[in-house]
Amino acid sequence: QQMVEDVKLMVEWTGDTREEWADRLEAQRSGGGGVRGALRSGGIPQRLADALMRHADVPLDRVASELRKGERERLLTALAGYELEVGSADGGFKKAEVSGGGVPLSSLKPDGLALQGLE
């Protein structure tokens, strides 16, 4: 039996590209808003927005017009290319783990795992 070690998944949290997130941050910068507001307006839930900002070392109270180049680059990577490691320590793919929240079964299409209304 062969174990798969250190599988990495690339996550785009909303399906928006890096360029689309860059445009959204730029619009927020022009409007004088905060980075958290840009993430929320892009469909990122507040707790995830805060976690991604902490991961990118961006202060939670950062105003978009004061976003430094390094912060911006790290945040764009976290939003549109987050590297999620799936290691063997958590049981890998043999042991499925469920995260908090989930998806209501009523929102799933009966013929597959796609969500209704996302065509």
Foldseek 3Di string as FASTA:
>chain_A
DDDDFWDKDWDQPQPDALVVLVVLLVVQLVVFAAPLVSCVVSPHDNVRSVVLLVQLVHDPRHTSVRQDPSSSVSSSCSNHTNIDIAGPVVVGPVDDDDDPDDDPPVQADPVDRDGPPPD
